[in-house]
Amino acid sequence: MIHPPERLIDFHVHLFPDRLFDAIWDYFANQYKWDVIHRLYYRECVKHLNERGVSPIVYSNYAHKTGVAGELNRWNREIIDEIEDLYCFAAFHPGDDNAMQIARDCLKHPKVLGFKLQLLVQNFYPHDERLFPLYEMVMEQDKRILFHVGTGPVGNKYVGYKQFLKLLKRYPDLPANVAHMGGLEYGEFMDLLPAYPNLVFDTSFTFYKSIDMGFDLDPAIMEKNGDQLVYGSDFPNLILPREEEIETLLSFGLSDDFYDKLFFVNGMKLIERHSGKQSGQ
């Protein structure tokens, strides 16, 4: 495959209510000196991606503090009802008094694929005992967890390979997506894939040529683990064009079969499994 894919599924998009997007973009600018190049609200985000051949879209958001998840998930249900081929990893915070009721209500919607845990921001461990009921419910209902559990762009004590491994030893069958290929501990995370077949990694914010994200593995290891990788962009929270990352991935010169799986097939399988969507619908 020497040309960009005509159609792809993006498994790592961020959508928030407008006021939260504004706060997040201001935080990036102040904390990381990152100027987001796509300050687009949710309808504009979806339109921008659809016009570039991206569909379906899987987005996430997260509760950065207690008391936020309930309202955020009401908004999530509204927009996945509004927009066709839009799916969601919903918000959860274990500190909410009614956390599990919020989660149960959320999973009644078939387009909710599971929940996002942004451990770098939420400041709890992936093996926090308060999360165990959530993990067990997700497994019972055949949903997933999307984790930001890597040390990039700046780590803290709650993230990293060792913390995630503690969780997997307790719940080895947990269906989980790991954002950003597990960066910045790419080798350690990649070694997990053969032993944990329910793990899937997304490529978001990992493969830019203009900035070094530290991915130093032979691209052949991606082909070897191609059934457990999905494309993700991190859109719209980008400081470089999303097309650059796609070009980098294509430049590895891997097989057409690998790229078909990465950009579309694997993502569609996850959507069909966790939403009940059937091919052709």
Protein backbone atom coordinates (compact mmCIF):
# COMPACT_ATOMS: atom_id res chain seq x y z
CA MET A 1 0.00 0.00 0.00
CA ILE A 2 1.72 3.19 -1.20
CA HIS A 3 -1.24 5.58 -0.94
CA PRO A 4 -3.28 6.77 2.05
CA PRO A 5 -6.27 4.58 2.84
CA GLU A 6 -9.47 5.75 1.18
CA ARG A 7 -11.49 4.87 4.28
CA LEU A 8 -10.36 4.33 7.83
CA ILE A 9 -11.65 4.03 11.36
CA ASP A 10 -10.19 6.36 13.94
CA PHE A 11 -10.23 4.65 17.33
CA HIS A 12 -8.80 7.55 19.33
CA VAL A 13 -10.71 10.81 18.95
CA HIS A 14 -11.56 13.21 21.78
CA LEU A 15 -14.95 14.89 21.98
CA PHE A 16 -16.04 17.10 24.88
CA PRO A 17 -18.71 19.73 25.47
CA ASP A 18 -17.51 23.09 24.15
CA ARG A 19 -16.58 24.64 27.50
CA LEU A 20 -14.50 21.61 28.48
CA PHE A 21 -12.72 21.64 25.14
CA ASP A 22 -11.82 25.30 25.72
CA ALA A 23 -10.44 24.47 29.16
CA ILE A 24 -8.42 21.52 27.85
CA TRP A 25 -6.89 23.54 25.01
CA ASP A 26 -5.96 26.33 27.40
CA TYR A 27 -4.38 23.78 29.75
CA PHE A 28 -2.29 22.31 26.91
CA ALA A 29 -1.10 25.78 25.95
CA ASN A 30 -0.20 26.77 29.51
CA GLN A 31 1.13 23.44 30.80
CA TYR A 32 2.88 21.94 27.76
CA LYS A 33 3.22 24.99 25.47
CA TRP A 34 1.20 23.02 22.89
CA ASP A 35 -0.95 25.05 20.54
CA VAL A 36 -3.68 22.75 19.27
CA ILE A 37 -4.07 23.28 15.52
CA HIS A 38 -7.68 22.06 15.30
CA ARG A 39 -9.81 24.03 17.77
CA LEU A 40 -12.97 22.36 16.51
CA TYR A 41 -16.05 21.54 18.56
CA TYR A 42 -17.71 18.16 18.33
CA ARG A 43 -19.85 18.58 15.20
CA GLU A 44 -16.96 20.28 13.41
CA CYS A 45 -14.61 17.46 14.45
CA VAL A 46 -16.85 14.78 13.04
CA LYS A 47 -17.43 16.74 9.82
CA HIS A 48 -13.69 17.33 9.38
CA LEU A 49 -12.88 13.64 9.77
CA ASN A 50 -15.80 12.38 7.69
CA GLU A 51 -14.73 14.63 4.80
CA ARG A 52 -11.34 12.89 4.91
CA GLY A 53 -12.72 9.37 4.72
CA VAL A 54 -12.85 8.65 8.46
CA SER A 55 -15.90 6.60 9.50
CA PRO A 56 -16.82 5.13 11.90
CA ILE A 57 -15.32 7.32 14.61
CA VAL A 58 -14.65 6.12 18.15
CA TYR A 59 -14.14 8.92 20.65
CA SER A 60 -13.60 9.16 24.38
CA ASN A 61 -13.76 11.61 27.21
CA TYR A 62 -12.97 11.32 30.90
CA ALA A 63 -14.01 12.69 34.26
CA HIS A 64 -11.08 14.75 35.52
CA LYS A 65 -12.66 15.00 38.97
CA THR A 66 -15.59 13.64 40.97
CA GLY A 67 -19.06 14.86 40.10
CA VAL A 68 -18.39 15.21 36.37
CA ALA A 69 -19.07 11.74 34.91
CA GLY A 70 -22.85 11.77 35.18
CA GLU A 71 -23.40 14.96 33.20
CA LEU A 72 -20.66 14.11 30.72
CA ASN A 73 -22.26 10.76 30.01
CA ARG A 74 -25.66 12.36 29.49
CA TRP A 75 -23.99 14.50 26.85
CA ASN A 76 -22.30 11.40 25.37
CA ARG A 77 -25.63 9.63 24.94
CA GLU A 78 -27.10 12.68 23.24
CA ILE A 79 -24.39 13.01 20.62
CA ILE A 80 -24.10 9.30 19.78
CA ASP A 81 -27.85 9.38 19.19
CA GLU A 82 -27.42 12.48 17.03
CA ILE A 83 -24.52 11.32 14.85
CA GLU A 84 -24.40 8.16 12.77
CA ASP A 85 -21.35 5.90 13.00
CA LEU A 86 -20.11 7.58 16.19
CA TYR A 87 -19.14 5.37 19.14
CA CYS A 88 -17.92 6.21 22.61
CA PHE A 89 -15.67 5.26 25.48
CA ALA A 90 -17.59 7.00 28.26
CA ALA A 91 -16.48 8.72 31.45
CA PHE A 92 -16.02 7.10 34.86
CA HIS A 93 -14.66 8.27 38.18
CA PRO A 94 -14.39 5.83 41.11
CA GLY A 95 -14.76 8.66 43.61
CA ASP A 96 -18.39 9.33 42.69
CA ASP A 97 -20.87 8.05 45.26
CA ASN A 98 -23.02 6.60 42.46
CA ALA A 99 -20.15 5.63 40.17
CA MET A 100 -21.38 2.14 39.35
CA GLN A 101 -24.96 3.26 38.75
CA ILE A 102 -23.69 5.88 36.31
CA ALA A 103 -21.68 3.16 34.57
CA ARG A 104 -24.58 0.70 34.42
CA ASP A 105 -26.89 3.32 32.96
CA CYS A 106 -24.28 4.26 30.40
CA LEU A 107 -23.78 0.70 29.18
CA LYS A 108 -27.46 0.42 28.31
CA HIS A 109 -26.60 2.33 25.14
CA PRO A 110 -25.17 -0.05 22.51
CA LYS A 111 -22.91 2.64 21.03
CA VAL A 112 -21.03 2.94 24.32
CA LEU A 113 -18.13 0.53 23.85
CA GLY A 114 -16.84 0.91 27.40
CA PHE A 115 -15.03 3.51 29.51
CA LYS A 116 -11.97 5.74 29.33
CA LEU A 117 -9.55 5.91 32.25
CA GLN A 118 -7.04 8.76 31.89
CA LEU A 119 -4.79 7.81 34.78
CA LEU A 120 -2.29 10.58 34.11
CA VAL A 121 -5.01 13.16 34.77
CA GLN A 122 -7.35 11.28 37.12
CA ASN A 123 -4.51 10.32 39.48
CA PHE A 124 -5.37 6.79 40.52
CA TYR A 125 -3.74 3.44 39.76
CA PRO A 126 -5.12 1.01 37.18
CA HIS A 127 -5.17 -1.59 39.97
CA ASP A 128 -7.10 0.67 42.38
CA GLU A 129 -9.59 -1.62 44.17
CA ARG A 130 -12.38 0.90 43.54
CA LEU A 131 -12.12 0.00 39.84
CA PHE A 132 -12.57 -3.76 40.30
CA PRO A 133 -16.40 -3.65 40.12
CA LEU A 134 -16.13 -1.66 36.87
CA TYR A 135 -13.72 -4.15 35.32
CA GLU A 136 -15.94 -7.06 36.30
CA MET A 137 -19.05 -5.38 34.87
CA VAL A 138 -17.23 -4.55 31.64
CA MET A 139 -16.18 -8.18 31.23
CA GLU A 140 -19.67 -9.46 32.04
CA GLN A 141 -21.23 -7.17 29.43
CA ASP A 142 -18.46 -7.69 26.82
CA LYS A 143 -17.32 -4.08 26.74
CA ARG A 144 -13.81 -2.54 26.95
CA ILE A 145 -11.65 -0.11 28.89
CA LEU A 146 -9.52 2.49 27.11
CA PHE A 147 -6.48 3.31 29.24
CA HIS A 148 -4.04 6.15 29.13
CA VAL A 149 -1.58 4.25 31.26
CA GLY A 150 1.71 5.09 29.54
CA THR A 151 4.31 7.53 30.81
CA GLY A 152 4.02 9.97 27.90
CA PRO A 153 4.05 12.90 27.58
CA VAL A 154 4.95 13.30 31.25
CA GLY A 155 4.57 10.45 33.69
CA ASN A 156 3.46 10.21 37.28
CA LYS A 157 3.37 7.46 39.89
CA TYR A 158 0.01 6.13 38.68
CA VAL A 159 1.07 5.18 35.15
CA GLY A 160 3.60 2.95 33.47
CA TYR A 161 4.21 -0.64 32.53
CA LYS A 162 4.72 -1.93 36.08
CA GLN A 163 1.44 -0.44 37.29
CA PHE A 164 -0.47 -1.86 34.32
CA LEU A 165 1.07 -5.30 34.76
CA LYS A 166 -0.27 -5.42 38.33
CA LEU A 167 -3.76 -5.02 36.87
CA LEU A 168 -3.25 -7.68 34.19
CA LYS A 169 -2.07 -10.21 36.75
CA ARG A 170 -5.41 -9.83 38.53
CA TYR A 171 -7.56 -9.54 35.37
CA PRO A 172 -5.63 -11.24 32.54
CA ASP A 173 -8.73 -11.44 30.32
CA LEU A 174 -9.73 -7.79 30.66
CA PRO A 175 -10.65 -6.39 27.22
CA ALA A 176 -8.50 -3.25 27.14
CA ASN A 177 -7.21 -0.69 24.69
CA VAL A 178 -3.94 1.03 25.53
CA ALA A 179 -3.53 4.49 24.06
CA HIS A 180 -0.38 5.71 22.34
CA MET A 181 1.13 2.22 21.94
CA GLY A 182 1.96 2.28 25.66
CA GLY A 183 4.42 5.12 25.14
CA LEU A 184 6.94 5.84 26.28
CA GLU A 185 7.70 2.23 27.37
CA TYR A 186 7.02 0.81 23.92
CA GLY A 187 9.09 -2.35 24.19
CA GLU A 188 7.72 -3.41 27.54
CA PHE A 189 4.12 -2.85 26.48
CA MET A 190 4.55 -4.52 23.10
CA ASP A 191 5.87 -7.62 24.83
CA LEU A 192 2.49 -7.96 26.57
CA LEU A 193 0.49 -8.55 23.40
CA PRO A 194 1.20 -12.25 22.78
CA ALA A 195 0.36 -13.18 26.38
CA TYR A 196 -2.81 -11.06 26.62
CA PRO A 197 -4.96 -11.53 23.50
CA ASN A 198 -7.68 -9.13 24.72
CA LEU A 199 -5.24 -6.22 24.63
CA VAL A 200 -5.30 -3.76 21.73
CA PHE A 201 -2.98 -0.78 21.27
CA ASP A 202 -3.75 2.37 19.29
CA THR A 203 -1.20 4.37 17.33
CA SER A 204 -2.21 7.85 18.44
CA PHE A 205 0.51 10.48 18.82
CA THR A 206 3.32 7.97 18.35
CA PHE A 207 4.54 8.11 14.75
CA TYR A 208 5.37 11.69 13.85
CA LYS A 209 8.56 12.51 11.96
CA SER A 210 8.64 16.11 13.17
CA ILE A 211 8.85 15.19 16.85
CA ASP A 212 10.58 12.21 18.42
CA MET A 213 8.12 10.24 20.54
CA GLY A 214 10.79 7.63 21.30
CA PHE A 215 9.37 4.73 19.29
CA ASP A 216 12.57 2.78 18.60
CA LEU A 217 11.23 -0.69 17.78
CA ASP A 218 11.63 -2.46 14.47
CA PRO A 219 8.35 -1.86 12.57
CA ALA A 220 8.29 -5.59 11.82
CA ILE A 221 7.08 -6.13 15.38
CA MET A 222 3.94 -4.24 14.43
CA GLU A 223 3.26 -6.63 11.57
CA LYS A 224 3.84 -9.57 13.93
CA ASN A 225 1.21 -8.17 16.32
CA GLY A 226 -1.02 -6.72 13.62
CA ASP A 227 -4.23 -8.31 14.92
CA GLN A 228 -3.92 -6.24 18.13
CA LEU A 229 -3.32 -2.77 16.73
CA VAL A 230 -5.77 -0.08 15.63
CA TYR A 231 -5.25 3.33 14.10
CA GLY A 232 -5.93 6.35 16.29
CA SER A 233 -5.14 10.02 15.75
CA ASP A 234 -5.80 11.91 19.04
CA PHE A 235 -7.86 14.37 16.96
CA PRO A 236 -8.53 17.24 17.49
CA ASN A 237 -5.92 17.64 20.24
CA LEU A 238 -3.02 17.74 17.79
CA ILE A 239 -0.05 20.03 17.37
CA LEU A 240 0.82 18.51 13.98
CA PRO A 241 -1.36 17.39 11.06
CA ARG A 242 -2.82 13.90 11.50
CA GLU A 243 -1.78 13.10 7.93
CA GLU A 244 1.89 13.15 8.95
CA GLU A 245 1.40 10.18 11.26
CA ILE A 246 -0.44 8.22 8.56
CA GLU A 247 2.42 8.93 6.13
CA THR A 248 4.94 7.68 8.68
CA LEU A 249 3.01 4.47 9.23
CA LEU A 250 2.79 3.87 5.48
CA SER A 251 6.50 4.56 5.07
CA PHE A 252 7.32 1.43 7.08
CA GLY A 253 6.48 -0.59 3.98
CA LEU A 254 4.56 -3.32 5.78
CA SER A 255 2.07 -5.61 4.04
CA ASP A 256 -1.24 -4.52 2.56
CA ASP A 257 -2.89 -7.01 4.92
CA PHE A 258 -1.33 -5.25 7.92
CA TYR A 259 -2.51 -1.82 6.78
CA ASP A 260 -6.01 -3.11 6.04
CA LYS A 261 -6.20 -4.45 9.59
CA LEU A 262 -4.67 -1.36 11.18
CA PHE A 263 -6.76 1.24 9.42
CA PHE A 264 -10.10 -0.53 9.21
CA VAL A 265 -10.59 -4.25 9.78
CA ASN A 266 -9.48 -4.48 13.42
CA GLY A 267 -11.47 -1.41 14.40
CA MET A 268 -14.61 -2.70 12.74
CA LYS A 269 -14.28 -6.04 14.51
CA LEU A 270 -14.13 -4.26 17.87
CA ILE A 271 -17.13 -2.09 17.05
CA GLU A 272 -19.15 -5.09 15.90
CA ARG A 273 -18.21 -7.10 18.97
CA HIS A 274 -18.84 -4.46 21.59
CA SER A 275 -21.82 -2.64 20.12
CA GLY A 276 -23.70 -5.50 18.50
CA LYS A 277 -23.40 -3.72 15.13
CA GLN A 278 -23.52 -6.13 12.22
CA SER A 279 -21.48 -5.72 9.06
CA GLY A 280 -23.36 -3.80 6.40
CA GLN A 281 -25.56 -1.89 8.84
